[in-house]
């Protein structure tokens, strides 16, 4: 269900962490995840649920970042489909604590 954000036009652009965007995807239920390589050669993954949360995590290598990116996408998709406000809040809290690992 994930698709390239804005038709892929953000790839190669400067991202929210001042790095170069490598991947940028959006879920139709209102989630987005972006992977960028920072100037320090680390990797930032910024993810969010529209209207509910934005969170960024960092990885030291592209391999680590790709694994994290995939896990984050799975967790975000589940959260994006949550209609119960209380469950969503708890899910976001757990997500920020690293439950997607």
C-alpha atoms as a PDB file:
ATOM      1  CA  UNK A   1       0.000   0.000   0.000  1.00  0.00           C
ATOM      2  CA  UNK A   2       2.966   2.341   0.414  1.00  0.00           C
ATOM      3  CA  UNK A   3       3.808   4.567  -2.553  1.00  0.00           C
ATOM      4  CA  UNK A   4       6.445   7.169  -3.383  1.00  0.00           C
ATOM      5  CA  UNK A   5       5.667  10.498  -1.771  1.00  0.00           C
ATOM      6  CA  UNK A   6       4.876  13.233  -4.290  1.00  0.00           C
ATOM      7  CA  UNK A   7       5.672  10.927  -7.185  1.00  0.00           C
ATOM      8  CA  UNK A   8       9.279  10.557  -6.052  1.00  0.00           C
ATOM      9  CA  UNK A   9      10.114  14.242  -6.536  1.00  0.00           C
ATOM     10  CA  UNK A  10      11.624  14.493  -3.038  1.00  0.00           C
ATOM     11  CA  UNK A  11      14.368  11.932  -3.764  1.00  0.00           C
ATOM     12  CA  UNK A  12      17.722  13.704  -3.935  1.00  0.00           C
ATOM     13  CA  UNK A  13      16.362  16.801  -2.207  1.00  0.00           C
ATOM     14  CA  UNK A  14      17.374  18.108   1.215  1.00  0.00           C
ATOM     15  CA  UNK A  15      15.238  16.529   3.946  1.00  0.00           C
ATOM     16  CA  UNK A  16      14.065  17.601   7.381  1.00  0.00           C
ATOM     17  CA  UNK A  17      17.384  16.537   8.955  1.00  0.00           C
ATOM     18  CA  UNK A  18      19.411  18.493   6.349  1.00  0.00           C
ATOM     19  CA  UNK A  19      20.462  15.281   4.625  1.00  0.00           C
ATOM     20  CA  UNK A  20      19.800  13.989   1.115  1.00  0.00           C
ATOM     21  CA  UNK A  21      16.539  12.066   0.770  1.00  0.00           C
ATOM     22  CA  UNK A  22      17.124   8.479  -0.381  1.00  0.00           C
ATOM     23  CA  UNK A  23      13.598   7.092   0.107  1.00  0.00           C
ATOM     24  CA  UNK A  24      10.309   8.824   0.853  1.00  0.00           C
ATOM     25  CA  UNK A  25       7.051   6.913   1.044  1.00  0.00           C
ATOM     26  CA  UNK A  26       3.480   7.596   2.061  1.00  0.00           C
ATOM     27  CA  UNK A  27       0.681   5.314   3.226  1.00  0.00           C
ATOM     28  CA  UNK A  28      -2.877   6.083   2.042  1.00  0.00           C
ATOM     29  CA  UNK A  29      -4.161   5.997   5.648  1.00  0.00           C
ATOM     30  CA  UNK A  30      -2.006   9.003   6.569  1.00  0.00           C
ATOM     31  CA  UNK A  31       1.554   7.971   7.369  1.00  0.00           C
ATOM     32  CA  UNK A  32       4.899   8.935   5.884  1.00  0.00           C
ATOM     33  CA  UNK A  33       8.469   7.692   6.280  1.00  0.00           C
ATOM     34  CA  UNK A  34      11.602   9.319   4.868  1.00  0.00           C
ATOM     35  CA  UNK A  35      15.178   8.034   4.801  1.00  0.00           C
ATOM     36  CA  UNK A  36      18.008  10.486   4.319  1.00  0.00           C
ATOM     37  CA  UNK A  37      21.774  10.407   4.467  1.00  0.00           C
ATOM     38  CA  UNK A  38      23.077  13.202   6.640  1.00  0.00           C
ATOM     39  CA  UNK A  39      26.207  15.301   6.164  1.00  0.00           C
ATOM     40  CA  UNK A  40      27.938  13.244   8.882  1.00  0.00           C
ATOM     41  CA  UNK A  41      27.356  10.037   6.869  1.00  0.00           C
ATOM     42  CA  UNK A  42      24.780   8.774   9.329  1.00  0.00           C
ATOM     43  CA  UNK A  43      21.217   8.082   8.310  1.00  0.00           C
ATOM     44  CA  UNK A  44      18.008   9.653   9.588  1.00  0.00           C
ATOM     45  CA  UNK A  45      14.562   8.107   9.342  1.00  0.00           C
ATOM     46  CA  UNK A  46      11.761  10.574   9.918  1.00  0.00           C
ATOM     47  CA  UNK A  47       8.312   9.104  10.258  1.00  0.00           C
ATOM     48  CA  UNK A  48       4.915  10.346  11.128  1.00  0.00           C
ATOM     49  CA  UNK A  49       1.197   9.924  11.332  1.00  0.00           C
ATOM     50  CA  UNK A  50      -0.553  12.953   9.920  1.00  0.00           C
ATOM     51  CA  UNK A  51      -2.051  15.021  12.705  1.00  0.00           C
ATOM     52  CA  UNK A  52      -0.741  12.748  15.462  1.00  0.00           C
ATOM     53  CA  UNK A  53       3.057  12.413  15.595  1.00  0.00           C
ATOM     54  CA  UNK A  54       6.440  12.986  13.989  1.00  0.00           C
ATOM     55  CA  UNK A  55       9.467  11.024  15.144  1.00  0.00           C
ATOM     56  CA  UNK A  56      13.066  10.690  13.929  1.00  0.00           C
ATOM     57  CA  UNK A  57      15.556   7.899  14.583  1.00  0.00           C
ATOM     58  CA  UNK A  58      19.163   7.565  13.448  1.00  0.00           C
ATOM     59  CA  UNK A  59      21.283   4.722  12.105  1.00  0.00           C
ATOM     60  CA  UNK A  60      25.020   4.439  11.625  1.00  0.00           C
ATOM     61  CA  UNK A  61      24.982   2.520   8.346  1.00  0.00           C
ATOM     62  CA  UNK A  62      22.791   2.188   5.293  1.00  0.00           C
ATOM     63  CA  UNK A  63      22.213  -1.502   6.050  1.00  0.00           C
ATOM     64  CA  UNK A  64      20.991  -0.705   9.564  1.00  0.00           C
ATOM     65  CA  UNK A  65      18.851   2.153   8.234  1.00  0.00           C
ATOM     66  CA  UNK A  66      17.176  -0.065   5.620  1.00  0.00           C
ATOM     67  CA  UNK A  67      16.252  -2.667   8.257  1.00  0.00           C
ATOM     68  CA  UNK A  68      14.880   0.053  10.534  1.00  0.00           C
ATOM     69  CA  UNK A  69      13.006   1.706   7.653  1.00  0.00           C
ATOM     70  CA  UNK A  70      11.237  -1.536   6.794  1.00  0.00           C
ATOM     71  CA  UNK A  71      10.268  -2.226  10.423  1.00  0.00           C
ATOM     72  CA  UNK A  72       9.031   1.336  10.867  1.00  0.00           C
ATOM     73  CA  UNK A  73       6.848   1.066   7.776  1.00  0.00           C
ATOM     74  CA  UNK A  74       5.149  -2.058   9.122  1.00  0.00           C
ATOM     75  CA  UNK A  75       4.474  -0.471  12.504  1.00  0.00           C
ATOM     76  CA  UNK A  76       3.279   2.805  11.011  1.00  0.00           C
ATOM     77  CA  UNK A  77       0.854   1.022   8.701  1.00  0.00           C
ATOM     78  CA  UNK A  78      -0.714  -0.721  11.703  1.00  0.00           C
ATOM     79  CA  UNK A  79      -0.966   2.556  13.609  1.00  0.00           C
ATOM     80  CA  UNK A  80      -2.408   4.413  10.632  1.00  0.00           C
ATOM     81  CA  UNK A  81      -5.275   1.936  10.483  1.00  0.00           C
ATOM     82  CA  UNK A  82      -6.152   2.301  14.178  1.00  0.00           C
ATOM     83  CA  UNK A  83      -9.538   3.959  14.729  1.00  0.00           C
ATOM     84  CA  UNK A  84      -9.666   3.716  18.531  1.00  0.00           C
ATOM     85  CA  UNK A  85      -8.139   6.934  19.945  1.00  0.00           C
ATOM     86  CA  UNK A  86      -6.964   5.303  23.173  1.00  0.00           C
ATOM     87  CA  UNK A  87      -5.300   2.422  21.322  1.00  0.00           C
ATOM     88  CA  UNK A  88      -3.704   4.878  18.913  1.00  0.00           C
ATOM     89  CA  UNK A  89      -2.227   6.955  21.745  1.00  0.00           C
ATOM     90  CA  UNK A  90      -0.833   3.850  23.421  1.00  0.00           C
ATOM     91  CA  UNK A  91       0.502   2.605  20.089  1.00  0.00           C
ATOM     92  CA  UNK A  92       2.252   5.914  19.425  1.00  0.00           C
ATOM     93  CA  UNK A  93       3.787   5.875  22.900  1.00  0.00           C
ATOM     94  CA  UNK A  94       5.128   2.368  22.348  1.00  0.00           C
ATOM     95  CA  UNK A  95       6.324   3.248  18.849  1.00  0.00           C
ATOM     96  CA  UNK A  96       8.340   6.230  20.112  1.00  0.00           C
ATOM     97  CA  UNK A  97       9.846   3.993  22.796  1.00  0.00           C
ATOM     98  CA  UNK A  98      11.087   1.679  20.028  1.00  0.00           C
ATOM     99  CA  UNK A  99       8.475  -1.068  19.837  1.00  0.00           C
ATOM    100  CA  UNK A 100       8.993  -1.222  16.066  1.00  0.00           C
ATOM    101  CA  UNK A 101      12.469  -2.743  16.626  1.00  0.00           C
END
